[in-house]
Amino acid sequence: MTSALSLPAPGTVTGLMAAVAQAVILPRFRQLASGDIRQKTGPTDLVTIADEEAEALLTERLSALLPGSTVVGEEAAAADPAVLDRLAGPGPVWVIDPVDGTLNFASGRPAFAVIVALVAGGETRMGWIHDPLNRRTAWAVAGQGAWMSADGEGEDRRLRVAAPVPLAAMTGAMSTRYCGPDMGRRLEARESGLGPIVCLASAAHEYIRLADGLSHFSLYHRLMPWDHAAGVLIHAEAGGHTALAGGAPYRPTVTEGRLLAAPDRNSWDMLNDYLFG
C-alpha cells in the first residue's frame, strides 16, 4: 500500500517549514513573555506559544499538501495520546515537532529546530530537520540519500556520517535524562573511555551533527516519534546505523526503550557492548 504513495517534492516541504519558522517562531526567539511559556509535565518540559502556533500552521499546510494524510504533532499528542495510534495505520502521516529544543528556545539558547517526517505503513519515507537560525535544512527520502539545503550554498550538499574510529575517539551525545539513576551512573562511569560528550538538548541538532560527520554517536532513552523519525532516516541515508536495544531496527511506532546511533554496524556493536554489555 505504501509503494503507491505519491511523495511531495522535498523542496516544497523545506520551503513550507522555513516559512512557518519565519512567521511564528523566529519573531518570538528571545522575545517570549512569561505568559507565552507553560509547563507540561514539569519545569524542563515546556511548551510555548511558538510551539502551538507553528504546529497549527504546519498541520494545516502539510495536510493540504498531501490530501488524505493525517498528522501526529507533539502538542496534539500531549493533549490526546490516542493521536499516536495514527502511526500504526497504512495511510500517510505527517509527524511534527514544531520546536525541537523548546527548553533551549525558551531560555534564549540557539539550539532549536523544526522537525517533520512523513510516515506510511509504519515506516518513515521522508524526513526534514530545519534549523531556522542558520537557514539550513537536512532532509532525506528513503533510498535516495541525505542532503543539506542551505541559503547561499547553491546546490544541495550530500551528507555523510563520520568515518569509524576507535571507542576512545568517539564523540557524541549521551544524556542520562530519562534513563533512571542506576543506568545514569553506569553511563557516567563509561564516559572516560569515550571521546568528548556533547549534549545539545536538541535531538534535531544532534542528528544534524551525526549526518554531517561532526559526531559519531547519540544515545536516547525517550523515543517519541517527533524527536526521532526524521533524524533516524536522515542518519541512515547518510550511511549511519541506528538500532534499538538488542539490535532491532527503529520504527516510529516504538515509543519505549533505548536508541543508539553510530557511523556503522561495527561501531554500533562496539558502543553497545561497551556501554551495556
Protein backbone atom coordinates (compact mmCIF):
# COMPACT_ATOMS: atom_id res chain seq x y z
CA MET A 1 0.00 0.00 0.00
CA THR A 2 2.84 2.41 0.83
CA SER A 3 4.52 1.79 -2.55
CA ALA A 4 1.73 3.72 -4.29
CA LEU A 5 2.18 6.79 -2.08
CA SER A 6 2.76 9.95 -4.09
CA LEU A 7 5.60 11.71 -2.26
CA PRO A 8 5.77 15.51 -2.22
CA ALA A 9 8.79 17.31 -3.60
CA PRO A 10 11.32 17.62 -0.74
CA GLY A 11 11.93 21.27 -1.52
CA THR A 12 8.25 22.10 -1.17
CA VAL A 13 8.23 20.88 2.43
CA THR A 14 11.56 22.59 3.13
CA GLY A 15 10.11 25.90 1.97
CA LEU A 16 6.94 25.39 3.93
CA MET A 17 8.88 24.70 7.15
CA ALA A 18 11.09 27.74 6.61
CA ALA A 19 8.06 29.97 6.02
CA VAL A 20 6.38 28.81 9.22
CA ALA A 21 9.57 29.34 11.21
CA GLN A 22 9.94 32.85 9.82
CA ALA A 23 6.32 33.67 10.55
CA VAL A 24 5.79 32.44 14.09
CA ILE A 25 8.99 31.00 15.62
CA LEU A 26 11.85 33.40 14.95
CA PRO A 27 9.88 36.56 15.86
CA ARG A 28 9.46 35.10 19.36
CA PHE A 29 13.03 33.96 19.90
CA ARG A 30 14.29 35.87 22.97
CA GLN A 31 11.02 37.82 22.92
CA LEU A 32 8.76 35.47 24.91
CA ALA A 33 6.67 36.95 27.71
CA SER A 34 6.08 34.94 30.86
CA GLY A 35 2.56 34.13 29.71
CA ASP A 36 3.92 32.69 26.46
CA ILE A 37 5.52 29.70 28.26
CA ARG A 38 3.92 26.99 30.34
CA GLN A 39 4.94 23.68 31.84
CA LYS A 40 3.54 20.38 30.59
CA THR A 41 4.84 17.63 32.88
CA GLY A 42 7.45 19.62 34.79
CA PRO A 43 9.91 22.53 34.75
CA THR A 44 12.06 21.01 31.98
CA ASP A 45 9.09 20.01 29.80
CA LEU A 46 7.80 23.25 28.33
CA VAL A 47 5.52 24.45 25.59
CA THR A 48 5.50 27.98 24.20
CA ILE A 49 3.12 29.95 22.05
CA ALA A 50 5.60 29.42 19.20
CA ASP A 51 5.26 25.61 19.52
CA GLU A 52 1.48 25.82 19.42
CA GLU A 53 1.18 28.27 16.55
CA ALA A 54 3.85 26.53 14.47
CA GLU A 55 2.19 23.14 14.92
CA ALA A 56 -1.18 24.56 13.93
CA LEU A 57 0.22 26.12 10.76
CA LEU A 58 2.26 23.06 9.82
CA THR A 59 -0.74 20.80 10.40
CA GLU A 60 -2.91 22.91 8.11
CA ARG A 61 -0.36 23.31 5.32
CA LEU A 62 1.05 19.77 5.30
CA SER A 63 -2.43 18.26 5.31
CA ALA A 64 -3.32 20.39 2.29
CA LEU A 65 -0.10 19.39 0.56
CA LEU A 66 -0.96 15.68 0.73
CA PRO A 67 -4.73 15.13 0.63
CA GLY A 68 -5.86 12.17 2.73
CA SER A 69 -2.93 12.45 5.12
CA THR A 70 -3.24 12.77 8.88
CA VAL A 71 -0.96 14.44 11.42
CA VAL A 72 0.75 13.43 14.64
CA GLY A 73 2.02 16.60 16.31
CA GLU A 74 3.85 16.76 19.61
CA GLU A 75 1.39 19.19 21.18
CA ALA A 76 -1.67 17.40 19.80
CA ALA A 77 -0.38 14.12 21.23
CA ALA A 78 0.30 15.79 24.58
CA ALA A 79 -3.36 16.80 24.72
CA ASP A 80 -4.62 13.42 23.45
CA PRO A 81 -2.20 10.45 23.48
CA ALA A 82 -4.56 8.50 21.21
CA VAL A 83 -3.25 10.66 18.36
CA LEU A 84 -0.21 8.37 18.28
CA ASP A 85 -2.40 5.49 17.08
CA ARG A 86 -2.48 7.12 13.64
CA LEU A 87 1.09 5.91 13.05
CA ALA A 88 0.00 2.27 13.04
CA GLY A 89 -2.32 2.72 10.05
CA PRO A 90 -1.41 2.25 6.39
CA GLY A 91 -2.08 5.82 5.27
CA PRO A 92 0.38 8.73 5.16
CA VAL A 93 1.01 10.53 8.45
CA TRP A 94 2.93 13.75 8.98
CA VAL A 95 4.91 13.70 12.24
CA ILE A 96 5.65 17.20 13.54
CA ASP A 97 7.89 18.61 16.22
CA PRO A 98 7.17 22.32 15.83
CA VAL A 99 10.07 23.44 18.05
CA ASP A 100 12.55 20.73 18.98
CA GLY A 101 14.65 22.01 21.87
CA THR A 102 11.86 24.04 23.43
CA LEU A 103 13.82 24.40 26.68
CA ASN A 104 16.67 25.97 24.70
CA PHE A 105 14.26 28.17 22.76
CA ALA A 106 12.51 29.38 25.91
CA SER A 107 15.89 30.09 27.55
CA GLY A 108 17.22 32.06 24.58
CA ARG A 109 19.73 29.38 23.53
CA PRO A 110 20.07 28.87 19.76
CA ALA A 111 19.91 25.03 19.56
CA PHE A 112 16.33 24.54 18.37
CA ALA A 113 14.78 23.35 15.12
CA VAL A 114 11.62 22.24 13.33
CA ILE A 115 11.27 18.53 12.54
CA VAL A 116 8.87 16.93 10.08
CA ALA A 117 8.67 13.29 8.95
CA LEU A 118 6.33 11.55 6.53
CA VAL A 119 5.39 8.07 7.72
CA ALA A 120 3.34 5.47 5.84
CA GLY A 121 2.68 1.86 6.80
CA GLY A 122 4.66 2.38 9.99
CA GLU A 123 7.85 3.32 8.09
CA THR A 124 9.48 6.71 7.66
CA ARG A 125 9.51 7.64 3.98
CA MET A 126 10.83 11.22 4.16
CA GLY A 127 12.33 13.44 6.85
CA TRP A 128 13.34 17.08 7.33
CA ILE A 129 15.17 18.97 10.08
CA HIS A 130 15.04 22.75 9.61
CA ASP A 131 17.45 24.94 11.56
CA PRO A 132 15.87 28.39 11.19
CA LEU A 133 18.62 30.47 12.76
CA ASN A 134 21.25 29.05 10.39
CA ARG A 135 18.81 28.90 7.46
CA ARG A 136 19.57 25.30 6.61
CA THR A 137 17.57 22.06 6.29
CA ALA A 138 18.80 18.48 6.44
CA TRP A 139 16.46 16.16 4.54
CA ALA A 140 16.22 12.64 3.21
CA VAL A 141 14.00 10.41 1.12
CA ALA A 142 14.22 6.68 1.82
CA GLY A 143 16.63 5.14 -0.66
CA GLN A 144 17.74 8.47 -2.11
CA GLY A 145 20.41 9.71 0.28
CA ALA A 146 20.57 12.54 2.80
CA TRP A 147 21.15 16.16 1.85
CA MET A 148 21.67 19.63 3.28
CA SER A 149 19.92 22.63 1.75
CA ALA A 150 21.32 25.96 2.92
CA ASP A 151 20.70 29.54 1.86
CA GLY A 152 23.59 30.89 -0.14
CA GLU A 153 25.16 27.50 -0.87
CA GLY A 154 23.65 26.79 -4.29
CA GLU A 155 23.03 23.09 -4.88
CA ASP A 156 22.15 20.78 -2.02
CA ARG A 157 25.12 19.07 -0.38
CA ARG A 158 25.24 15.30 0.17
CA LEU A 159 25.54 14.34 3.85
CA ARG A 160 27.92 11.62 5.03
CA VAL A 161 28.46 10.26 8.52
CA ALA A 162 31.89 10.35 10.14
CA ALA A 163 34.40 7.63 9.39
CA PRO A 164 34.60 4.90 12.06
CA VAL A 165 37.14 5.49 14.83
CA PRO A 166 38.19 3.60 17.99
CA LEU A 167 35.95 3.91 21.05
CA ALA A 168 38.31 6.34 22.78
CA ALA A 169 37.94 8.78 19.89
CA MET A 170 34.15 8.58 19.50
CA THR A 171 32.43 11.87 20.24
CA GLY A 172 28.70 12.17 20.72
CA ALA A 173 25.60 12.90 22.76
CA MET A 174 24.82 10.68 25.73
CA SER A 175 22.33 12.28 28.06
CA THR A 176 21.38 10.42 31.23
CA ARG A 177 17.98 12.11 31.30
CA TYR A 178 15.06 9.66 31.22
CA CYS A 179 17.22 6.58 31.85
CA GLY A 180 16.91 6.19 35.64
CA PRO A 181 19.61 6.66 38.32
CA ASP A 182 21.25 3.22 38.03
CA MET A 183 21.69 3.45 34.28
CA GLY A 184 22.77 7.06 34.63
CA ARG A 185 25.60 6.09 36.97
CA ARG A 186 26.62 3.25 34.66
CA LEU A 187 26.85 5.55 31.66
CA GLU A 188 28.70 8.27 33.55
CA ALA A 189 31.27 5.70 34.64
CA ARG A 190 31.91 4.81 30.99
CA GLU A 191 32.32 8.34 29.68
CA SER A 192 36.05 8.25 30.38
CA GLY A 193 36.51 5.55 27.73
CA LEU A 194 35.00 7.70 25.00
CA GLY A 195 35.76 11.00 23.31
CA PRO A 196 34.10 14.29 24.32
CA ILE A 197 30.40 14.08 25.16
CA VAL A 198 28.40 16.99 23.72
CA CYS A 199 24.68 17.07 24.57
CA LEU A 200 22.77 19.90 22.88
CA ALA A 201 19.33 19.30 24.46
CA SER A 202 18.00 19.09 20.90
CA ALA A 203 17.79 15.77 19.10
CA ALA A 204 17.42 17.72 15.86
CA HIS A 205 20.82 19.38 16.17
CA GLU A 206 22.41 16.14 17.35
CA TYR A 207 21.09 14.29 14.29
CA ILE A 208 22.41 17.04 12.02
CA ARG A 209 25.85 16.64 13.59
CA LEU A 210 25.68 12.86 13.13
CA ALA A 211 24.62 13.01 9.49
CA ASP A 212 27.18 15.72 8.68
CA GLY A 213 30.08 13.74 10.14
CA LEU A 214 30.63 16.09 13.09
CA SER A 215 29.97 13.48 15.79
CA HIS A 216 29.99 9.70 15.95
CA PHE A 217 27.12 8.61 18.15
CA SER A 218 23.97 9.57 20.02
CA LEU A 219 22.12 7.67 22.74
CA TYR A 220 18.48 8.29 23.64
CA HIS A 221 16.16 6.86 26.30
CA ARG A 222 12.95 8.64 25.27
CA LEU A 223 11.60 7.61 21.88
CA MET A 224 8.83 9.93 20.82
CA PRO A 225 8.36 9.82 17.03
CA TRP A 226 8.58 13.58 16.53
CA ASP A 227 12.08 13.52 18.02
CA HIS A 228 13.49 10.60 16.04
CA ALA A 229 11.56 9.55 12.92
CA ALA A 230 13.14 12.15 10.63
CA GLY A 231 16.58 12.05 12.26
CA VAL A 232 16.96 8.27 12.09
CA LEU A 233 16.09 8.31 8.38
CA ILE A 234 18.49 11.19 7.64
CA HIS A 235 21.26 9.44 9.59
CA ALA A 236 20.64 6.13 7.80
CA GLU A 237 20.61 7.78 4.36
CA ALA A 238 23.92 9.46 5.26
CA GLY A 239 25.38 5.97 5.83
CA GLY A 240 24.85 5.56 9.57
CA HIS A 241 23.42 2.70 11.63
CA THR A 242 20.77 3.21 14.30
CA ALA A 243 19.07 0.47 16.27
CA LEU A 244 17.06 -0.18 19.40
CA ALA A 245 18.36 -2.10 22.41
CA GLY A 246 19.06 -5.65 21.27
CA GLY A 247 19.71 -4.54 17.70
CA ALA A 248 16.15 -4.29 16.38
CA PRO A 249 15.58 -1.62 13.71
CA TYR A 250 13.89 1.60 14.73
CA ARG A 251 10.29 2.25 13.70
CA PRO A 252 8.32 5.41 14.51
CA THR A 253 5.64 3.32 16.23
CA VAL A 254 8.13 2.40 19.00
CA THR A 255 7.94 4.81 21.93
CA GLU A 256 9.83 2.95 24.66
CA GLY A 257 13.33 1.62 25.00
CA ARG A 258 16.85 2.72 24.10
CA LEU A 259 18.07 4.08 20.78
CA LEU A 260 21.73 4.15 19.77
CA ALA A 261 23.12 5.73 16.59
CA ALA A 262 26.65 5.14 15.27
CA PRO A 263 28.59 5.50 11.98
CA ASP A 264 28.22 1.83 11.01
CA ARG A 265 27.13 -1.55 12.37
CA ASN A 266 30.57 -2.44 13.71
CA SER A 267 30.82 0.87 15.60
CA TRP A 268 27.30 0.30 16.92
CA ASP A 269 28.26 -3.16 18.22
CA MET A 270 31.38 -1.80 19.91
CA LEU A 271 29.49 1.03 21.57
CA ASN A 272 26.60 -1.15 22.62
CA ASP A 273 28.93 -3.76 24.17
CA TYR A 274 30.99 -1.10 25.94
CA LEU A 275 28.03 0.80 27.34
CA PHE A 276 25.63 -2.04 28.10
CA GLY A 277 27.39 -5.39 27.68
